[in-house]
Amino acid sequence: MNIEIIEKKENPLLGRVQIKFQITHNMEPTPSREKMRNLIAANLQASPSNVVINYAKPMFGVNKTIGYAKIYNSKEQALKIELKHYLKRNGLLEEKKQE
């Protein structure tokens, strides 16, 4: 499984880097969000807890996934700025159970 950064944009005002990526996963299932976060973090020398994936769309008939992610300078910065449902999807915010 390898990753290719299609587009990379610095956003110093919000303290993050925004990327569009493509992951090729030959003869493997679509990777989980956690595996993608770890792969992006390893590729860009960041901590996986600072990576938030907004979307990842597997392409039909091809072993590729295209997505959009944001790499924050710190986890606290991500928790302040990012929408809660994105944080929950990425495992950075725990869901509160309703009674």
C-alpha atoms as a PDB file:
ATOM      1  CA  MET A   1       0.000   0.000   0.000  1.00  0.00           C
ATOM      2  CA  ASN A   2       1.487   3.341  -1.010  1.00  0.00           C
ATOM      3  CA  ILE A   3       0.323   6.932  -0.882  1.00  0.00           C
ATOM      4  CA  GLU A   4       0.686   9.775  -3.348  1.00  0.00           C
ATOM      5  CA  ILE A   5       0.087  13.397  -2.315  1.00  0.00           C
ATOM      6  CA  ILE A   6      -1.856  15.002  -5.177  1.00  0.00           C
ATOM      7  CA  GLU A   7      -2.123  18.497  -3.697  1.00  0.00           C
ATOM      8  CA  LYS A   8      -0.604  20.082  -0.591  1.00  0.00           C
ATOM      9  CA  LYS A   9      -1.567  23.480   0.787  1.00  0.00           C
ATOM     10  CA  GLU A  10      -0.197  25.233   3.880  1.00  0.00           C
ATOM     11  CA  ASN A  11      -2.732  27.096   6.025  1.00  0.00           C
ATOM     12  CA  PRO A  12      -0.736  28.972   8.713  1.00  0.00           C
ATOM     13  CA  LEU A  13      -3.770  30.927   9.925  1.00  0.00           C
ATOM     14  CA  LEU A  14      -5.458  27.716  11.113  1.00  0.00           C
ATOM     15  CA  GLY A  15      -2.197  25.910  11.913  1.00  0.00           C
ATOM     16  CA  ARG A  16      -2.603  23.050   9.477  1.00  0.00           C
ATOM     17  CA  VAL A  17      -1.600  21.532   6.155  1.00  0.00           C
ATOM     18  CA  GLN A  18      -4.410  20.474   3.820  1.00  0.00           C
ATOM     19  CA  ILE A  19      -3.766  17.608   1.413  1.00  0.00           C
ATOM     20  CA  LYS A  20      -5.520  15.641  -1.288  1.00  0.00           C
ATOM     21  CA  PHE A  21      -4.170  12.115  -1.483  1.00  0.00           C
ATOM     22  CA  GLN A  22      -4.447   8.890  -3.423  1.00  0.00           C
ATOM     23  CA  ILE A  23      -3.753   5.510  -1.846  1.00  0.00           C
ATOM     24  CA  THR A  24      -3.078   2.494  -4.041  1.00  0.00           C
ATOM     25  CA  HIS A  25      -3.921  -0.791  -2.323  1.00  0.00           C
ATOM     26  CA  ASN A  26      -3.198  -3.648  -4.714  1.00  0.00           C
ATOM     27  CA  MET A  27      -5.007  -6.899  -3.937  1.00  0.00           C
ATOM     28  CA  GLU A  28      -6.027  -5.563  -0.500  1.00  0.00           C
ATOM     29  CA  PRO A  29      -9.357  -4.276   0.792  1.00  0.00           C
ATOM     30  CA  THR A  30      -9.955  -0.562   1.197  1.00  0.00           C
ATOM     31  CA  PRO A  31      -7.830   0.528   4.166  1.00  0.00           C
ATOM     32  CA  SER A  32      -9.497   1.651   7.378  1.00  0.00           C
ATOM     33  CA  ARG A  33      -9.492   5.294   8.385  1.00  0.00           C
ATOM     34  CA  GLU A  34      -6.931   4.493  11.106  1.00  0.00           C
ATOM     35  CA  LYS A  35      -4.543   2.848   8.612  1.00  0.00           C
ATOM     36  CA  MET A  36      -4.880   5.823   6.268  1.00  0.00           C
ATOM     37  CA  ARG A  37      -4.180   8.270   9.116  1.00  0.00           C
ATOM     38  CA  ASN A  38      -1.057   6.304  10.095  1.00  0.00           C
ATOM     39  CA  LEU A  39       0.135   6.180   6.477  1.00  0.00           C
ATOM     40  CA  ILE A  40      -0.374   9.941   5.997  1.00  0.00           C
ATOM     41  CA  ALA A  41       1.349  10.701   9.312  1.00  0.00           C
ATOM     42  CA  ALA A  42       4.354   8.525   8.414  1.00  0.00           C
ATOM     43  CA  ASN A  43       4.611  10.118   4.973  1.00  0.00           C
ATOM     44  CA  LEU A  44       4.487  13.703   6.283  1.00  0.00           C
ATOM     45  CA  GLN A  45       6.409  13.183   9.558  1.00  0.00           C
ATOM     46  CA  ALA A  46       3.444  14.010  11.794  1.00  0.00           C
ATOM     47  CA  SER A  47       1.658  12.371  14.685  1.00  0.00           C
ATOM     48  CA  PRO A  48      -1.426  10.290  13.744  1.00  0.00           C
ATOM     49  CA  SER A  49      -3.392  12.138  16.458  1.00  0.00           C
ATOM     50  CA  ASN A  50      -2.911  15.378  14.463  1.00  0.00           C
ATOM     51  CA  VAL A  51      -4.377  13.946  11.227  1.00  0.00           C
ATOM     52  CA  VAL A  52      -8.078  14.379  10.418  1.00  0.00           C
ATOM     53  CA  ILE A  53      -9.467  12.703   7.293  1.00  0.00           C
ATOM     54  CA  ASN A  54     -12.535  14.490   5.933  1.00  0.00           C
ATOM     55  CA  TYR A  55     -13.365  11.927   3.277  1.00  0.00           C
ATOM     56  CA  ALA A  56     -11.908   8.890   1.578  1.00  0.00           C
ATOM     57  CA  LYS A  57     -13.664   7.567  -1.522  1.00  0.00           C
ATOM     58  CA  PRO A  58     -12.678   4.186  -2.973  1.00  0.00           C
ATOM     59  CA  MET A  59     -12.779   4.163  -6.770  1.00  0.00           C
ATOM     60  CA  PHE A  60     -15.009   1.554  -8.393  1.00  0.00           C
ATOM     61  CA  GLY A  61     -13.185  -1.220 -10.238  1.00  0.00           C
ATOM     62  CA  VAL A  62      -9.726   0.075  -9.323  1.00  0.00           C
ATOM     63  CA  ASN A  63      -7.662  -0.524  -6.183  1.00  0.00           C
ATOM     64  CA  LYS A  64      -7.359   3.174  -5.363  1.00  0.00           C
ATOM     65  CA  THR A  65      -8.828   5.490  -2.758  1.00  0.00           C
ATOM     66  CA  ILE A  66      -8.902   9.271  -3.138  1.00  0.00           C
ATOM     67  CA  GLY A  67      -9.339  11.510  -0.117  1.00  0.00           C
ATOM     68  CA  TYR A  68      -8.871  14.820   1.644  1.00  0.00           C
ATOM     69  CA  ALA A  69      -7.124  15.258   4.990  1.00  0.00           C
ATOM     70  CA  LYS A  70      -5.835  17.979   7.299  1.00  0.00           C
ATOM     71  CA  ILE A  71      -2.663  17.713   9.377  1.00  0.00           C
ATOM     72  CA  TYR A  72      -2.747  20.059  12.374  1.00  0.00           C
ATOM     73  CA  ASN A  73       0.247  21.391  14.301  1.00  0.00           C
ATOM     74  CA  SER A  74      -1.235  19.924  17.502  1.00  0.00           C
ATOM     75  CA  LYS A  75      -4.172  17.799  18.602  1.00  0.00           C
ATOM     76  CA  GLU A  76      -5.501  20.729  20.666  1.00  0.00           C
ATOM     77  CA  GLN A  77      -5.642  22.865  17.515  1.00  0.00           C
ATOM     78  CA  ALA A  78      -7.648  20.139  15.760  1.00  0.00           C
ATOM     79  CA  LEU A  79     -10.077  19.866  18.679  1.00  0.00           C
ATOM     80  CA  LYS A  80     -10.677  23.642  18.622  1.00  0.00           C
ATOM     81  CA  ILE A  81     -11.262  24.000  14.878  1.00  0.00           C
ATOM     82  CA  GLU A  82     -12.557  20.732  13.434  1.00  0.00           C
ATOM     83  CA  LEU A  83     -16.252  19.763  13.369  1.00  0.00           C
ATOM     84  CA  LYS A  84     -17.265  17.204  15.989  1.00  0.00           C
ATOM     85  CA  HIS A  85     -18.497  14.537  13.600  1.00  0.00           C
ATOM     86  CA  TYR A  86     -15.098  14.529  11.814  1.00  0.00           C
ATOM     87  CA  LEU A  87     -13.340  14.177  15.163  1.00  0.00           C
ATOM     88  CA  LYS A  88     -15.597  11.252  16.139  1.00  0.00           C
ATOM     89  CA  ARG A  89     -15.015   9.488  12.809  1.00  0.00           C
ATOM     90  CA  ASN A  90     -11.267   9.796  13.224  1.00  0.00           C
ATOM     91  CA  GLY A  91     -11.294   8.574  16.829  1.00  0.00           C
ATOM     92  CA  LEU A  92     -10.087  11.870  18.302  1.00  0.00           C
ATOM     93  CA  LEU A  93     -13.282  12.550  20.259  1.00  0.00           C
ATOM     94  CA  GLU A  94     -15.219   9.956  22.222  1.00  0.00           C
ATOM     95  CA  GLU A  95     -18.954   9.725  21.759  1.00  0.00           C
ATOM     96  CA  LYS A  96     -21.121  10.454  24.764  1.00  0.00           C
ATOM     97  CA  LYS A  97     -23.638   7.711  25.396  1.00  0.00           C
ATOM     98  CA  GLN A  98     -27.192   8.841  25.894  1.00  0.00           C
ATOM     99  CA  GLU A  99     -29.103   7.286  28.758  1.00  0.00           C
END
